Amino acid sequence: MVNQLAMRRQESGSKPVAREWVGYTPDGQRLVVTREADLWIVTSDAGEPVRHHLLDLALIEAIRADVGAHSIGIDYGEWTRLIADNILSTWPRGD
Protein backbone atom coordinates (compact mmCIF):
# COMPACT_ATOMS: atom_id res chain seq x y z
CA MET A 1 0.00 0.00 0.00
CA VAL A 2 1.28 3.40 -0.94
CA ASN A 3 -0.12 6.44 0.79
CA GLN A 4 0.72 10.04 1.15
CA LEU A 5 -0.55 13.00 3.10
CA ALA A 6 0.03 16.16 1.13
CA MET A 7 -0.20 19.70 2.42
CA ARG A 8 0.11 22.80 0.31
CA ARG A 9 0.74 26.14 1.93
CA GLN A 10 -0.29 29.62 0.87
CA GLU A 11 2.48 31.75 -0.58
CA SER A 12 2.12 34.40 2.11
CA GLY A 13 2.24 32.19 5.18
CA SER A 14 2.20 28.82 6.79
CA LYS A 15 -1.55 28.21 6.92
CA PRO A 16 -2.42 24.91 5.21
CA VAL A 17 -4.98 25.37 2.43
CA ALA A 18 -5.45 21.86 1.06
CA ARG A 19 -4.80 18.38 2.35
CA GLU A 20 -5.20 14.98 0.78
CA TRP A 21 -4.32 11.36 1.35
CA VAL A 22 -3.62 9.22 -1.69
CA GLY A 23 -3.47 5.44 -1.47
CA TYR A 24 -4.36 2.18 -3.16
CA THR A 25 -6.66 -0.66 -2.22
CA PRO A 26 -5.25 -4.21 -2.14
CA ASP A 27 -6.51 -4.71 -5.71
CA GLY A 28 -4.84 -1.50 -6.94
CA GLN A 29 -7.78 0.90 -6.96
CA ARG A 30 -6.56 4.47 -6.35
CA LEU A 31 -8.26 6.38 -3.52
CA VAL A 32 -8.01 10.09 -2.77
CA VAL A 33 -9.24 11.37 0.60
CA THR A 34 -9.88 15.03 1.36
CA ARG A 35 -11.90 16.87 3.98
CA GLU A 36 -14.27 19.81 3.69
CA ALA A 37 -15.70 21.23 6.92
CA ASP A 38 -17.06 18.17 8.75
CA LEU A 39 -17.28 15.85 5.72
CA TRP A 40 -14.73 13.33 4.47
CA ILE A 41 -14.63 13.04 0.68
CA VAL A 42 -13.29 9.85 -0.90
CA THR A 43 -12.78 9.58 -4.64
CA SER A 44 -11.92 6.30 -6.29
CA ASP A 45 -11.04 5.23 -9.81
CA ALA A 46 -14.50 3.69 -10.00
CA GLY A 47 -16.71 6.72 -9.75
CA GLU A 48 -18.13 9.80 -8.16
CA PRO A 49 -16.79 11.25 -4.90
CA VAL A 50 -18.43 9.90 -1.74
CA ARG A 51 -19.12 12.31 1.14
CA HIS A 52 -19.71 11.18 4.71
CA HIS A 53 -19.18 12.42 8.26
CA LEU A 54 -17.38 9.15 9.13
CA LEU A 55 -14.20 8.39 7.22
CA ASP A 56 -14.46 4.60 7.31
CA LEU A 57 -17.99 4.71 5.88
CA ALA A 58 -16.90 7.05 3.08
CA LEU A 59 -14.06 4.65 2.25
CA ILE A 60 -16.40 1.64 2.21
CA GLU A 61 -18.93 3.38 -0.05
CA ALA A 62 -16.23 4.49 -2.49
CA ILE A 63 -14.75 0.98 -2.65
CA ARG A 64 -18.18 -0.63 -3.10
CA ALA A 65 -18.47 1.19 -6.40
CA ASP A 66 -15.71 -1.13 -7.66
CA VAL A 67 -17.62 -4.27 -8.60
CA GLY A 68 -14.41 -5.95 -9.77
CA ALA A 69 -12.95 -6.02 -6.27
CA HIS A 70 -15.94 -7.94 -4.98
CA SER A 71 -15.88 -10.43 -7.85
CA ILE A 72 -12.39 -11.58 -6.82
CA GLY A 73 -13.43 -12.00 -3.18
CA ILE A 74 -11.57 -9.18 -1.45
CA ASP A 75 -12.97 -8.34 1.99
CA TYR A 76 -12.33 -4.70 2.77
CA GLY A 77 -13.83 -4.49 6.28
CA GLU A 78 -10.64 -4.78 8.34
CA TRP A 79 -8.49 -3.05 5.71
CA THR A 80 -10.84 -0.05 5.64
CA ARG A 81 -10.79 0.31 9.44
CA LEU A 82 -6.97 0.19 9.52
CA ILE A 83 -6.65 2.77 6.75
CA ALA A 84 -9.21 5.07 8.38
CA ASP A 85 -7.31 4.84 11.70
CA ASN A 86 -4.03 5.63 9.91
CA ILE A 87 -5.46 8.63 8.08
CA LEU A 88 -7.11 9.99 11.22
CA SER A 89 -3.94 9.62 13.27
CA THR A 90 -1.82 11.49 10.72
CA TRP A 91 -4.35 14.11 9.61
CA PRO A 92 -3.41 17.57 10.86
CA ARG A 93 -5.33 18.66 13.95
CA GLY A 94 -7.97 21.30 13.57
CA ASP A 95 -9.57 19.70 10.51
C-alpha atoms as a PDB file:
ATOM      1  CA  MET A   1       0.000   0.000   0.000  1.00  0.00           C
ATOM      2  CA  VAL A   2       1.284   3.401  -0.944  1.00  0.00           C
ATOM      3  CA  ASN A   3      -0.121   6.441   0.787  1.00  0.00           C
ATOM      4  CA  GLN A   4       0.717  10.036   1.145  1.00  0.00           C
ATOM      5  CA  LEU A   5      -0.548  13.004   3.105  1.00  0.00           C
ATOM      6  CA  ALA A   6       0.034  16.159   1.126  1.00  0.00           C
ATOM      7  CA  MET A   7      -0.204  19.703   2.418  1.00  0.00           C
ATOM      8  CA  ARG A   8       0.115  22.803   0.308  1.00  0.00           C
ATOM      9  CA  ARG A   9       0.736  26.141   1.930  1.00  0.00           C
ATOM     10  CA  GLN A  10      -0.294  29.620   0.874  1.00  0.00           C
ATOM     11  CA  GLU A  11       2.478  31.751  -0.583  1.00  0.00           C
ATOM     12  CA  SER A  12       2.118  34.402   2.110  1.00  0.00           C
ATOM     13  CA  GLY A  13       2.242  32.189   5.177  1.00  0.00           C
ATOM     14  CA  SER A  14       2.205  28.822   6.792  1.00  0.00           C
ATOM     15  CA  LYS A  15      -1.548  28.211   6.920  1.00  0.00           C
ATOM     16  CA  PRO A  16      -2.422  24.911   5.207  1.00  0.00           C
ATOM     17  CA  VAL A  17      -4.980  25.370   2.432  1.00  0.00           C
ATOM     18  CA  ALA A  18      -5.455  21.858   1.059  1.00  0.00           C
ATOM     19  CA  ARG A  19      -4.797  18.380   2.346  1.00  0.00           C
ATOM     20  CA  GLU A  20      -5.204  14.983   0.780  1.00  0.00           C
ATOM     21  CA  TRP A  21      -4.317  11.364   1.352  1.00  0.00           C
ATOM     22  CA  VAL A  22      -3.623   9.218  -1.687  1.00  0.00           C
ATOM     23  CA  GLY A  23      -3.474   5.440  -1.470  1.00  0.00           C
ATOM     24  CA  TYR A  24      -4.360   2.184  -3.161  1.00  0.00           C
ATOM     25  CA  THR A  25      -6.660  -0.663  -2.217  1.00  0.00           C
ATOM     26  CA  PRO A  26      -5.254  -4.214  -2.137  1.00  0.00           C
ATOM     27  CA  ASP A  27      -6.510  -4.711  -5.707  1.00  0.00           C
ATOM     28  CA  GLY A  28      -4.844  -1.505  -6.935  1.00  0.00           C
ATOM     29  CA  GLN A  29      -7.777   0.897  -6.965  1.00  0.00           C
ATOM     30  CA  ARG A  30      -6.564   4.472  -6.350  1.00  0.00           C
ATOM     31  CA  LEU A  31      -8.255   6.377  -3.521  1.00  0.00           C
ATOM     32  CA  VAL A  32      -8.007  10.093  -2.768  1.00  0.00           C
ATOM     33  CA  VAL A  33      -9.240  11.374   0.603  1.00  0.00           C
ATOM     34  CA  THR A  34      -9.878  15.033   1.361  1.00  0.00           C
ATOM     35  CA  ARG A  35     -11.896  16.866   3.979  1.00  0.00           C
ATOM     36  CA  GLU A  36     -14.275  19.810   3.694  1.00  0.00           C
ATOM     37  CA  ALA A  37     -15.695  21.227   6.922  1.00  0.00           C
ATOM     38  CA  ASP A  38     -17.056  18.165   8.752  1.00  0.00           C
ATOM     39  CA  LEU A  39     -17.278  15.848   5.715  1.00  0.00           C
ATOM     40  CA  TRP A  40     -14.735  13.332   4.469  1.00  0.00           C
ATOM     41  CA  ILE A  41     -14.626  13.042   0.677  1.00  0.00           C
ATOM     42  CA  VAL A  42     -13.291   9.848  -0.896  1.00  0.00           C
ATOM     43  CA  THR A  43     -12.782   9.576  -4.636  1.00  0.00           C
ATOM     44  CA  SER A  44     -11.917   6.297  -6.290  1.00  0.00           C
ATOM     45  CA  ASP A  45     -11.044   5.227  -9.815  1.00  0.00           C
ATOM     46  CA  ALA A  46     -14.504   3.690 -10.003  1.00  0.00           C
ATOM     47  CA  GLY A  47     -16.714   6.718  -9.745  1.00  0.00           C
ATOM     48  CA  GLU A  48     -18.133   9.800  -8.165  1.00  0.00           C
ATOM     49  CA  PRO A  49     -16.792  11.245  -4.904  1.00  0.00           C
ATOM     50  CA  VAL A  50     -18.431   9.900  -1.738  1.00  0.00           C
ATOM     51  CA  ARG A  51     -19.118  12.310   1.138  1.00  0.00           C
ATOM     52  CA  HIS A  52     -19.710  11.182   4.711  1.00  0.00           C
ATOM     53  CA  HIS A  53     -19.180  12.417   8.265  1.00  0.00           C
ATOM     54  CA  LEU A  54     -17.378   9.155   9.133  1.00  0.00           C
ATOM     55  CA  LEU A  55     -14.196   8.392   7.216  1.00  0.00           C
ATOM     56  CA  ASP A  56     -14.459   4.598   7.306  1.00  0.00           C
ATOM     57  CA  LEU A  57     -17.994   4.715   5.879  1.00  0.00           C
ATOM     58  CA  ALA A  58     -16.898   7.052   3.081  1.00  0.00           C
ATOM     59  CA  LEU A  59     -14.058   4.647   2.249  1.00  0.00           C
ATOM     60  CA  ILE A  60     -16.397   1.642   2.211  1.00  0.00           C
ATOM     61  CA  GLU A  61     -18.932   3.378  -0.046  1.00  0.00           C
ATOM     62  CA  ALA A  62     -16.232   4.490  -2.490  1.00  0.00           C
ATOM     63  CA  ILE A  63     -14.753   0.984  -2.651  1.00  0.00           C
ATOM     64  CA  ARG A  64     -18.182  -0.633  -3.100  1.00  0.00           C
ATOM     65  CA  ALA A  65     -18.470   1.192  -6.400  1.00  0.00           C
ATOM     66  CA  ASP A  66     -15.712  -1.130  -7.655  1.00  0.00           C
ATOM     67  CA  VAL A  67     -17.618  -4.270  -8.598  1.00  0.00           C
ATOM     68  CA  GLY A  68     -14.405  -5.948  -9.773  1.00  0.00           C
ATOM     69  CA  ALA A  69     -12.950  -6.021  -6.273  1.00  0.00           C
ATOM     70  CA  HIS A  70     -15.936  -7.942  -4.979  1.00  0.00           C
ATOM     71  CA  SER A  71     -15.880 -10.427  -7.849  1.00  0.00           C
ATOM     72  CA  ILE A  72     -12.391 -11.577  -6.820  1.00  0.00           C
ATOM     73  CA  GLY A  73     -13.425 -11.996  -3.184  1.00  0.00           C
ATOM     74  CA  ILE A  74     -11.573  -9.176  -1.451  1.00  0.00           C
ATOM     75  CA  ASP A  75     -12.974  -8.340   1.990  1.00  0.00           C
ATOM     76  CA  TYR A  76     -12.328  -4.702   2.772  1.00  0.00           C
ATOM     77  CA  GLY A  77     -13.828  -4.492   6.280  1.00  0.00           C
ATOM     78  CA  GLU A  78     -10.641  -4.780   8.336  1.00  0.00           C
ATOM     79  CA  TRP A  79      -8.492  -3.051   5.712  1.00  0.00           C
ATOM     80  CA  THR A  80     -10.842  -0.047   5.641  1.00  0.00           C
ATOM     81  CA  ARG A  81     -10.793   0.311   9.438  1.00  0.00           C
ATOM     82  CA  LEU A  82      -6.970   0.186   9.524  1.00  0.00           C
ATOM     83  CA  ILE A  83      -6.648   2.769   6.747  1.00  0.00           C
ATOM     84  CA  ALA A  84      -9.212   5.069   8.385  1.00  0.00           C
ATOM     85  CA  ASP A  85      -7.306   4.845  11.698  1.00  0.00           C
ATOM     86  CA  ASN A  86      -4.033   5.627   9.911  1.00  0.00           C
ATOM     87  CA  ILE A  87      -5.463   8.629   8.080  1.00  0.00           C
ATOM     88  CA  LEU A  88      -7.112   9.991  11.224  1.00  0.00           C
ATOM     89  CA  SER A  89      -3.937   9.618  13.273  1.00  0.00           C
ATOM     90  CA  THR A  90      -1.816  11.491  10.716  1.00  0.00           C
ATOM     91  CA  TRP A  91      -4.351  14.106   9.614  1.00  0.00           C
ATOM     92  CA  PRO A  92      -3.407  17.575  10.861  1.00  0.00           C
ATOM     93  CA  ARG A  93      -5.330  18.664  13.946  1.00  0.00           C
ATOM     94  CA  GLY A  94      -7.971  21.296  13.573  1.00  0.00           C
ATOM     95  CA  ASP A  95      -9.574  19.701  10.511  1.00  0.00           C
END
